[in-house]
């Protein structure tokens, strides 16, 4: 999921490849240490008429 989102960020042109690589490197390091937590946001949508 994180790598897919990184691909979208790079494809949008809003983030540099170096910036994205730095973030992914930080995540990989945290994963290897067992200190990474990722939360996937959930959205609730309500409507009124």
PDB file of N, CA and C in Angstrom:
ATOM      1  N   UNK A   1       0.820  -1.180   0.000  1.00  0.00           N
ATOM      2  CA  UNK A   1       0.000   0.000   0.000  1.00  0.00           C
ATOM      3  C   UNK A   1       0.878   1.263   0.000  1.00  0.00           C
ATOM      4  N   UNK A   2       1.898   1.278   0.843  1.00  0.00           N
ATOM      5  CA  UNK A   2       2.763   2.450   0.944  1.00  0.00           C
ATOM      6  C   UNK A   2       3.502   2.676  -0.373  1.00  0.00           C
ATOM      7  N   UNK A   3       4.007   1.614  -0.973  1.00  0.00           N
ATOM      8  CA  UNK A   3       4.744   1.763  -2.236  1.00  0.00           C
ATOM      9  C   UNK A   3       3.813   2.208  -3.358  1.00  0.00           C
ATOM     10  N   UNK A   4       2.572   1.741  -3.352  1.00  0.00           N
ATOM     11  CA  UNK A   4       1.611   2.205  -4.354  1.00  0.00           C
ATOM     12  C   UNK A   4       1.352   3.704  -4.199  1.00  0.00           C
ATOM     13  N   UNK A   5       1.173   4.135  -2.966  1.00  0.00           N
ATOM     14  CA  UNK A   5       0.939   5.558  -2.722  1.00  0.00           C
ATOM     15  C   UNK A   5       2.153   6.393  -3.123  1.00  0.00           C
ATOM     16  N   UNK A   6       3.343   5.860  -2.891  1.00  0.00           N
ATOM     17  CA  UNK A   6       4.561   6.559  -3.298  1.00  0.00           C
ATOM     18  C   UNK A   6       4.601   6.707  -4.819  1.00  0.00           C
ATOM     19  N   UNK A   7       4.158   5.680  -5.516  1.00  0.00           N
ATOM     20  CA  UNK A   7       4.096   5.752  -6.984  1.00  0.00           C
ATOM     21  C   UNK A   7       3.120   6.816  -7.452  1.00  0.00           C
ATOM     22  N   UNK A   8       1.987   6.924  -6.786  1.00  0.00           N
ATOM     23  CA  UNK A   8       1.018   7.972  -7.129  1.00  0.00           C
ATOM     24  C   UNK A   8       1.594   9.356  -6.865  1.00  0.00           C
ATOM     25  N   UNK A   9       2.312   9.498  -5.749  1.00  0.00           N
ATOM     26  CA  UNK A   9       2.918  10.787  -5.409  1.00  0.00           C
ATOM     27  C   UNK A   9       3.944  11.190  -6.456  1.00  0.00           C
ATOM     28  N   UNK A  10       4.753  10.238  -6.873  1.00  0.00           N
ATOM     29  CA  UNK A  10       5.759  10.544  -7.890  1.00  0.00           C
ATOM     30  C   UNK A  10       5.093  10.848  -9.227  1.00  0.00           C
ATOM     31  N   UNK A  11       4.076  10.081  -9.577  1.00  0.00           N
ATOM     32  CA  UNK A  11       3.368  10.295 -10.838  1.00  0.00           C
ATOM     33  C   UNK A  11       2.670  11.637 -10.914  1.00  0.00           C
ATOM     34  N   UNK A  12       2.267  12.160  -9.764  1.00  0.00           N
ATOM     35  CA  UNK A  12       1.574  13.449  -9.743  1.00  0.00           C
ATOM     36  C   UNK A  12       2.527  14.613  -9.976  1.00  0.00           C
ATOM     37  N   UNK A  13       3.819  14.372  -9.741  1.00  0.00           N
ATOM     38  CA  UNK A  13       4.799  15.442  -9.895  1.00  0.00           C
ATOM     39  C   UNK A  13       4.853  16.372  -8.697  1.00  0.00           C
ATOM     40  N   UNK A  14       4.117  16.067  -7.638  1.00  0.00           N
ATOM     41  CA  UNK A  14       4.069  16.926  -6.463  1.00  0.00           C
ATOM     42  C   UNK A  14       5.207  16.640  -5.482  1.00  0.00           C
ATOM     43  N   UNK A  15       5.867  15.497  -5.659  1.00  0.00           N
ATOM     44  CA  UNK A  15       7.010  15.145  -4.808  1.00  0.00           C
ATOM     45  C   UNK A  15       8.150  14.696  -5.694  1.00  0.00           C
ATOM     46  N   UNK A  16       9.355  15.011  -5.273  1.00  0.00           N
ATOM     47  CA  UNK A  16      10.530  14.584  -6.037  1.00  0.00           C
ATOM     48  C   UNK A  16      10.801  13.104  -5.786  1.00  0.00           C
ATOM     49  N   UNK A  17      11.469  12.477  -6.731  1.00  0.00           N
ATOM     50  CA  UNK A  17      11.848  11.072  -6.573  1.00  0.00           C
ATOM     51  C   UNK A  17      12.765  10.905  -5.371  1.00  0.00           C
ATOM     52  N   UNK A  18      13.658  11.869  -5.137  1.00  0.00           N
ATOM     53  CA  UNK A  18      14.568  11.800  -3.991  1.00  0.00           C
ATOM     54  C   UNK A  18      13.800  11.879  -2.674  1.00  0.00           C
ATOM     55  N   UNK A  19      12.803  12.737  -2.603  1.00  0.00           N
ATOM     56  CA  UNK A  19      11.994  12.863  -1.396  1.00  0.00           C
ATOM     57  C   UNK A  19      11.224  11.594  -1.103  1.00  0.00           C
ATOM     58  N   UNK A  20      10.670  11.007  -2.145  1.00  0.00           N
ATOM     59  CA  UNK A  20       9.920   9.760  -1.980  1.00  0.00           C
ATOM     60  C   UNK A  20      10.850   8.641  -1.550  1.00  0.00           C
ATOM     61  N   UNK A  21      12.033   8.578  -2.158  1.00  0.00           N
ATOM     62  CA  UNK A  21      13.002   7.537  -1.801  1.00  0.00           C
ATOM     63  C   UNK A  21      13.451   7.689  -0.350  1.00  0.00           C
ATOM     64  N   UNK A  22      13.597   8.911   0.114  1.00  0.00           N
ATOM     65  CA  UNK A  22      13.981   9.140   1.508  1.00  0.00           C
ATOM     66  C   UNK A  22      12.906   8.614   2.460  1.00  0.00           C
ATOM     67  N   UNK A  23      11.665   8.874   2.135  1.00  0.00           N
ATOM     68  CA  UNK A  23      10.564   8.386   2.962  1.00  0.00           C
ATOM     69  C   UNK A  23      10.518   6.858   2.965  1.00  0.00           C
ATOM     70  N   UNK A  24      10.637   6.259   1.792  1.00  0.00           N
ATOM     71  CA  UNK A  24      10.603   4.796   1.707  1.00  0.00           C
ATOM     72  C   UNK A  24      11.788   4.172   2.445  1.00  0.00           C
ATOM     73  N   UNK A  25      12.934   4.805   2.382  1.00  0.00           N
ATOM     74  CA  UNK A  25      14.110   4.311   3.091  1.00  0.00           C
ATOM     75  C   UNK A  25      13.886   4.358   4.603  1.00  0.00           C
ATOM     76  N   UNK A  26      13.290   5.435   5.082  1.00  0.00           N
ATOM     77  CA  UNK A  26      12.979   5.558   6.507  1.00  0.00           C
ATOM     78  C   UNK A  26      12.020   4.456   6.937  1.00  0.00           C
ATOM     79  N   UNK A  27      11.025   4.188   6.112  1.00  0.00           N
ATOM     80  CA  UNK A  27      10.055   3.130   6.419  1.00  0.00           C
ATOM     81  C   UNK A  27      10.730   1.768   6.439  1.00  0.00           C
ATOM     82  N   UNK A  28      11.567   1.497   5.439  1.00  0.00           N
ATOM     83  CA  UNK A  28      12.274   0.209   5.388  1.00  0.00           C
ATOM     84  C   UNK A  28      13.139   0.017   6.634  1.00  0.00           C
ATOM     85  N   UNK A  29      13.817   1.067   7.064  1.00  0.00           N
ATOM     86  CA  UNK A  29      14.647   0.990   8.268  1.00  0.00           C
ATOM     87  C   UNK A  29      13.785   0.689   9.494  1.00  0.00           C
ATOM     88  N   UNK A  30      12.678   1.383   9.627  1.00  0.00           N
ATOM     89  CA  UNK A  30      11.782   1.160  10.761  1.00  0.00           C
ATOM     90  C   UNK A  30      11.213  -0.261  10.738  1.00  0.00           C
ATOM     91  N   UNK A  31      10.897  -0.759   9.553  1.00  0.00           N
ATOM     92  CA  UNK A  31      10.390  -2.131   9.447  1.00  0.00           C
ATOM     93  C   UNK A  31      11.432  -3.140   9.925  1.00  0.00           C
ATOM     94  N   UNK A  32      12.688  -2.901   9.544  1.00  0.00           N
ATOM     95  CA  UNK A  32      13.745  -3.837   9.938  1.00  0.00           C
ATOM     96  C   UNK A  32      13.976  -3.818  11.448  1.00  0.00           C
ATOM     97  N   UNK A  33      13.692  -2.688  12.084  1.00  0.00           N
ATOM     98  CA  UNK A  33      13.824  -2.580  13.538  1.00  0.00           C
ATOM     99  C   UNK A  33      12.565  -3.022  14.285  1.00  0.00           C
ATOM    100  N   UNK A  34      11.474  -3.193  13.550  1.00  0.00           N
ATOM    101  CA  UNK A  34      10.217  -3.563  14.182  1.00  0.00           C
ATOM    102  C   UNK A  34       9.539  -2.398  14.881  1.00  0.00           C
ATOM    103  N   UNK A  35       9.822  -1.177  14.407  1.00  0.00           N
ATOM    104  CA  UNK A  35       9.268   0.005  15.079  1.00  0.00           C
ATOM    105  C   UNK A  35       8.346   0.816  14.170  1.00  0.00           C
ATOM    106  N   UNK A  36       7.770   0.187  13.160  1.00  0.00           N
ATOM    107  CA  UNK A  36       6.930   0.918  12.206  1.00  0.00           C
ATOM    108  C   UNK A  36       5.481   0.523  12.383  1.00  0.00           C
ATOM    109  N   UNK A  37       4.612   1.517  12.359  1.00  0.00           N
ATOM    110  CA  UNK A  37       3.171   1.289  12.428  1.00  0.00           C
ATOM    111  C   UNK A  37       2.524   2.073  11.292  1.00  0.00           C
ATOM    112  N   UNK A  38       1.749   1.414  10.486  1.00  0.00           N
ATOM    113  CA  UNK A  38       1.015   2.080   9.404  1.00  0.00           C
ATOM    114  C   UNK A  38      -0.470   1.934   9.670  1.00  0.00           C
ATOM    115  N   UNK A  39      -1.188   3.014   9.520  1.00  0.00           N
ATOM    116  CA  UNK A  39      -2.635   3.007   9.683  1.00  0.00           C
ATOM    117  C   UNK A  39      -3.268   3.437   8.370  1.00  0.00           C
ATOM    118  N   UNK A  40      -4.215   2.673   7.906  1.00  0.00           N
ATOM    119  CA  UNK A  40      -4.934   3.027   6.684  1.00  0.00           C
ATOM    120  C   UNK A  40      -6.191   3.793   7.087  1.00  0.00           C
ATOM    121  N   UNK A  41      -6.313   5.020   6.619  1.00  0.00           N
ATOM    122  CA  UNK A  41      -7.486   5.802   7.008  1.00  0.00           C
ATOM    123  C   UNK A  41      -8.779   5.189   6.468  1.00  0.00           C
ATOM    124  N   UNK A  42      -9.800   5.296   7.251  1.00  0.00           N
ATOM    125  CA  UNK A  42     -11.124   4.849   6.851  1.00  0.00           C
ATOM    126  C   UNK A  42     -12.029   6.082   6.849  1.00  0.00           C
ATOM    127  N   UNK A  43     -12.866   6.178   5.873  1.00  0.00           N
ATOM    128  CA  UNK A  43     -13.720   7.349   5.747  1.00  0.00           C
ATOM    129  C   UNK A  43     -15.182   6.969   5.956  1.00  0.00           C
ATOM    130  N   UNK A  44     -15.894   7.819   6.631  1.00  0.00           N
ATOM    131  CA  UNK A  44     -17.321   7.651   6.812  1.00  0.00           C
ATOM    132  C   UNK A  44     -18.001   8.806   6.081  1.00  0.00           C
ATOM    133  N   UNK A  45     -18.919   8.466   5.228  1.00  0.00           N
ATOM    134  CA  UNK A  45     -19.620   9.484   4.453  1.00  0.00           C
ATOM    135  C   UNK A  45     -21.089   9.435   4.814  1.00  0.00           C
ATOM    136  N   UNK A  46     -21.633  10.593   5.134  1.00  0.00           N
ATOM    137  CA  UNK A  46     -23.062  10.668   5.408  1.00  0.00           C
ATOM    138  C   UNK A  46     -23.672  11.739   4.503  1.00  0.00           C
ATOM    139  N   UNK A  47     -24.934  11.617   4.280  1.00  0.00           N
ATOM    140  CA  UNK A  47     -25.620  12.573   3.426  1.00  0.00           C
ATOM    141  C   UNK A  47     -27.007  12.867   4.003  1.00  0.00           C
ATOM    142  N   UNK A  48     -27.480  14.037   3.731  1.00  0.00           N
ATOM    143  CA  UNK A  48     -28.839  14.380   4.111  1.00  0.00           C
ATOM    144  C   UNK A  48     -29.543  14.903   2.872  1.00  0.00           C
ATOM    145  N   UNK A  49     -30.782  14.816   2.939  1.00  0.00           N
ATOM    146  CA  UNK A  49     -31.573  15.265   1.790  1.00  0.00           C
ATOM    147  C   UNK A  49     -32.327  16.497   2.117  1.00  0.00           C
TER     148      UNK A  49
END
